[in-house]
C-alpha atoms as a PDB file:
ATOM      1  CA  MET A   1     -18.007  -4.398  23.298  1.00  0.00           C
ATOM      2  CA  SER A   2     -18.438  -2.792  26.630  1.00  0.00           C
ATOM      3  CA  THR A   3     -21.816  -3.513  28.389  1.00  0.00           C
ATOM      4  CA  THR A   4     -21.695  -0.542  30.607  1.00  0.00           C
ATOM      5  CA  ARG A   5     -22.897   3.036  30.098  1.00  0.00           C
ATOM      6  CA  PRO A   6     -19.966   5.487  29.533  1.00  0.00           C
ATOM      7  CA  SER A   7     -18.871   6.854  32.925  1.00  0.00           C
ATOM      8  CA  SER A   8     -16.410   9.614  32.048  1.00  0.00           C
ATOM      9  CA  LEU A   9     -16.413  12.473  29.778  1.00  0.00           C
ATOM     10  CA  GLU A  10     -13.588  10.770  27.646  1.00  0.00           C
ATOM     11  CA  GLU A  11     -15.787   7.653  27.334  1.00  0.00           C
ATOM     12  CA  TRP A  12     -18.839   9.736  26.338  1.00  0.00           C
ATOM     13  CA  ALA A  13     -16.746  11.373  23.649  1.00  0.00           C
ATOM     14  CA  HIS A  14     -15.676   8.261  22.287  1.00  0.00           C
ATOM     15  CA  TYR A  15     -19.157   6.981  22.394  1.00  0.00           C
ATOM     16  CA  ILE A  16     -20.522   9.972  20.643  1.00  0.00           C
ATOM     17  CA  ALA A  17     -17.812   9.622  17.967  1.00  0.00           C
ATOM     18  CA  GLY A  18     -18.961   6.203  17.048  1.00  0.00           C
ATOM     19  CA  LEU A  19     -22.619   7.224  16.372  1.00  0.00           C
ATOM     20  CA  SER A  20     -23.866   7.692  12.804  1.00  0.00           C
ATOM     21  CA  GLY A  21     -27.033   7.709  10.688  1.00  0.00           C
ATOM     22  CA  ASP A  22     -30.282   6.891  12.471  1.00  0.00           C
ATOM     23  CA  ASP A  23     -28.550   5.906  15.665  1.00  0.00           C
ATOM     24  CA  LEU A  24     -26.862   9.226  15.981  1.00  0.00           C
ATOM     25  CA  ARG A  25     -30.359  11.067  15.208  1.00  0.00           C
ATOM     26  CA  SER A  26     -32.157   8.937  17.806  1.00  0.00           C
ATOM     27  CA  LYS A  27     -29.691   9.387  20.625  1.00  0.00           C
ATOM     28  CA  ALA A  28     -29.386  13.142  19.953  1.00  0.00           C
ATOM     29  CA  HIS A  29     -33.194  13.403  20.518  1.00  0.00           C
ATOM     30  CA  ALA A  30     -33.238  11.032  23.573  1.00  0.00           C
ATOM     31  CA  ILE A  31     -30.524  12.845  25.559  1.00  0.00           C
ATOM     32  CA  ASN A  32     -31.710  16.358  24.757  1.00  0.00           C
ATOM     33  CA  SER A  33     -33.664  16.537  28.069  1.00  0.00           C
ATOM     34  CA  ILE A  34     -33.464  17.715  31.627  1.00  0.00           C
ATOM     35  CA  ASP A  35     -33.871  14.007  32.672  1.00  0.00           C
ATOM     36  CA  PHE A  36     -30.536  13.108  30.999  1.00  0.00           C
ATOM     37  CA  VAL A  37     -28.821  16.137  32.370  1.00  0.00           C
ATOM     38  CA  ASP A  38     -29.995  15.159  35.962  1.00  0.00           C
ATOM     39  CA  ASP A  39     -28.791  11.773  35.426  1.00  0.00           C
ATOM     40  CA  LEU A  40     -25.298  12.918  34.600  1.00  0.00           C
ATOM     41  CA  MET A  41     -25.188  15.298  37.521  1.00  0.00           C
ATOM     42  CA  ASP A  42     -26.295  12.423  39.767  1.00  0.00           C
ATOM     43  CA  GLU A  43     -23.455  10.487  38.280  1.00  0.00           C
ATOM     44  CA  GLY A  44     -20.908  13.175  39.225  1.00  0.00           C
ATOM     45  CA  PHE A  45     -20.390  15.184  36.052  1.00  0.00           C
ATOM     46  CA  ASP A  46     -20.215  18.925  36.905  1.00  0.00           C
ATOM     47  CA  PRO A  47     -21.960  21.460  34.652  1.00  0.00           C
ATOM     48  CA  ASP A  48     -19.044  22.201  32.494  1.00  0.00           C
ATOM     49  CA  GLU A  49     -18.694  18.555  31.617  1.00  0.00           C
ATOM     50  CA  VAL A  50     -22.342  18.134  30.855  1.00  0.00           C
ATOM     51  CA  GLU A  51     -22.118  21.302  28.760  1.00  0.00           C
ATOM     52  CA  THR A  52     -18.803  19.844  27.021  1.00  0.00           C
ATOM     53  CA  LEU A  53     -20.819  16.437  26.189  1.00  0.00           C
ATOM     54  CA  PHE A  54     -23.723  18.437  24.603  1.00  0.00           C
ATOM     55  CA  ILE A  55     -21.256  20.506  22.475  1.00  0.00           C
ATOM     56  CA  LEU A  56     -19.304  17.472  21.363  1.00  0.00           C
ATOM     57  CA  LEU A  57     -22.619  15.958  20.254  1.00  0.00           C
ATOM     58  CA  ALA A  58     -23.712  19.031  18.450  1.00  0.00           C
ATOM     59  CA  GLN A  59     -20.365  19.411  16.525  1.00  0.00           C
ATOM     60  CA  HIS A  60     -20.623  15.556  15.474  1.00  0.00           C
ATOM     61  CA  LEU A  61     -24.174  16.077  14.239  1.00  0.00           C
ATOM     62  CA  GLU A  62     -22.816  19.033  12.202  1.00  0.00           C
ATOM     63  CA  ARG A  63     -19.879  17.116  10.851  1.00  0.00           C
ATOM     64  CA  MET A  64     -22.070  14.219   9.710  1.00  0.00           C
ATOM     65  CA  GLY A  65     -24.556  16.841   8.151  1.00  0.00           C
ATOM     66  CA  MET A  66     -27.355  15.930  10.483  1.00  0.00           C
ATOM     67  CA  MET A  67     -28.296  19.150  12.177  1.00  0.00           C
ATOM     68  CA  LEU A  68     -31.570  18.717  14.247  1.00  0.00           C
ATOM     69  CA  PRO A  69     -34.275  21.069  14.536  1.00  0.00           C
ATOM     70  CA  ASP A  70     -33.884  23.317  17.621  1.00  0.00           C
ATOM     71  CA  ALA A  71     -36.205  21.390  19.876  1.00  0.00           C
ATOM     72  CA  GLY A  72     -35.329  20.016  23.281  1.00  0.00           C
ATOM     73  CA  LEU A  73     -33.407  21.262  26.285  1.00  0.00           C
ATOM     74  CA  TYR A  74     -30.382  22.595  24.149  1.00  0.00           C
ATOM     75  CA  SER A  75     -30.187  24.104  20.598  1.00  0.00           C
ATOM     76  CA  TYR A  76     -27.736  21.788  18.776  1.00  0.00           C
ATOM     77  CA  ARG A  77     -27.321  24.294  16.145  1.00  0.00           C
ATOM     78  CA  ARG A  78     -26.128  27.077  18.614  1.00  0.00           C
ATOM     79  CA  MET A  79     -23.890  24.540  20.602  1.00  0.00           C
ATOM     80  CA  ALA A  80     -22.123  23.316  17.418  1.00  0.00           C
ATOM     81  CA  LYS A  81     -20.472  26.874  17.212  1.00  0.00           C
ATOM     82  CA  GLN A  82     -19.209  26.853  20.896  1.00  0.00           C
ATOM     83  CA  THR A  83     -16.014  25.933  22.367  1.00  0.00           C
ATOM     84  CA  PRO A  84     -16.379  23.106  25.021  1.00  0.00           C
ATOM     85  CA  PRO A  85     -15.365  24.396  28.309  1.00  0.00           C
ATOM     86  CA  VAL A  86     -13.489  20.935  29.146  1.00  0.00           C
ATOM     87  CA  GLN A  87     -10.944  19.598  26.822  1.00  0.00           C
ATOM     88  CA  VAL A  88     -11.485  15.957  25.967  1.00  0.00           C
ATOM     89  CA  SER A  89      -9.352  13.569  24.061  1.00  0.00           C
ATOM     90  CA  LEU A  90     -11.234  12.577  21.001  1.00  0.00           C
ATOM     91  CA  PRO A  91     -10.609   9.460  18.847  1.00  0.00           C
ATOM     92  CA  PRO A  92      -9.252  10.061  15.330  1.00  0.00           C
ATOM     93  CA  PRO A  93     -12.215  10.253  12.683  1.00  0.00           C
ATOM     94  CA  HIS A  94     -13.487   6.808  11.836  1.00  0.00           C
ATOM     95  CA  ALA A  95     -11.513   5.099  14.656  1.00  0.00           C
ATOM     96  CA  GLY A  96     -13.953   2.208  14.814  1.00  0.00           C
ATOM     97  CA  VAL A  97     -15.300   3.202  18.443  1.00  0.00           C
ATOM     98  CA  ALA A  98     -17.197   0.614  20.241  1.00  0.00           C
ATOM     99  CA  VAL A  99     -20.668   1.467  21.181  1.00  0.00           C
ATOM    100  CA  PRO A 100     -21.744   0.143  24.590  1.00  0.00           C
ATOM    101  CA  ASP A 101     -24.831  -2.073  24.482  1.00  0.00           C
ATOM    102  CA  ASP A 102     -26.858  -0.574  27.324  1.00  0.00           C
ATOM    103  CA  VAL A 103     -26.838   2.874  25.955  1.00  0.00           C
ATOM    104  CA  ASP A 104     -29.521   1.646  23.586  1.00  0.00           C
ATOM    105  CA  ALA A 105     -31.894   2.561  26.479  1.00  0.00           C
ATOM    106  CA  LEU A 106     -31.288   6.096  25.272  1.00  0.00           C
ATOM    107  CA  ASP A 107     -33.183   5.540  22.093  1.00  0.00           C
ATOM    108  CA  ASP A 108     -35.850   8.098  21.276  1.00  0.00           C
ATOM    109  CA  GLU A 109     -39.123   6.580  22.237  1.00  0.00           C
ATOM    110  CA  GLY A 110     -41.454   8.881  20.281  1.00  0.00           C
END
């Protein structure tokens, strides 16, 4: 398993696809903030890539039957219905995607 945070949109897509249950819910709460968006922008992601990441997460939440309340920076319910502005190669469902260890720092604190 990798010990680095995803650094490309494709890596984030694979990371998101590997989340489920409480881990998915926790990460979705944690990253739905301006601080996370600012971090991504500082890492070189452009606005369309950031939007794509959130849309992919929202669509994954919906597929997993885990729609979250509309609280936070973005409405996951609305975003789940959008088409990502950037095309990303997604792993097949249940592909056994490895989850990087240090992304645990994204867990919801409260």
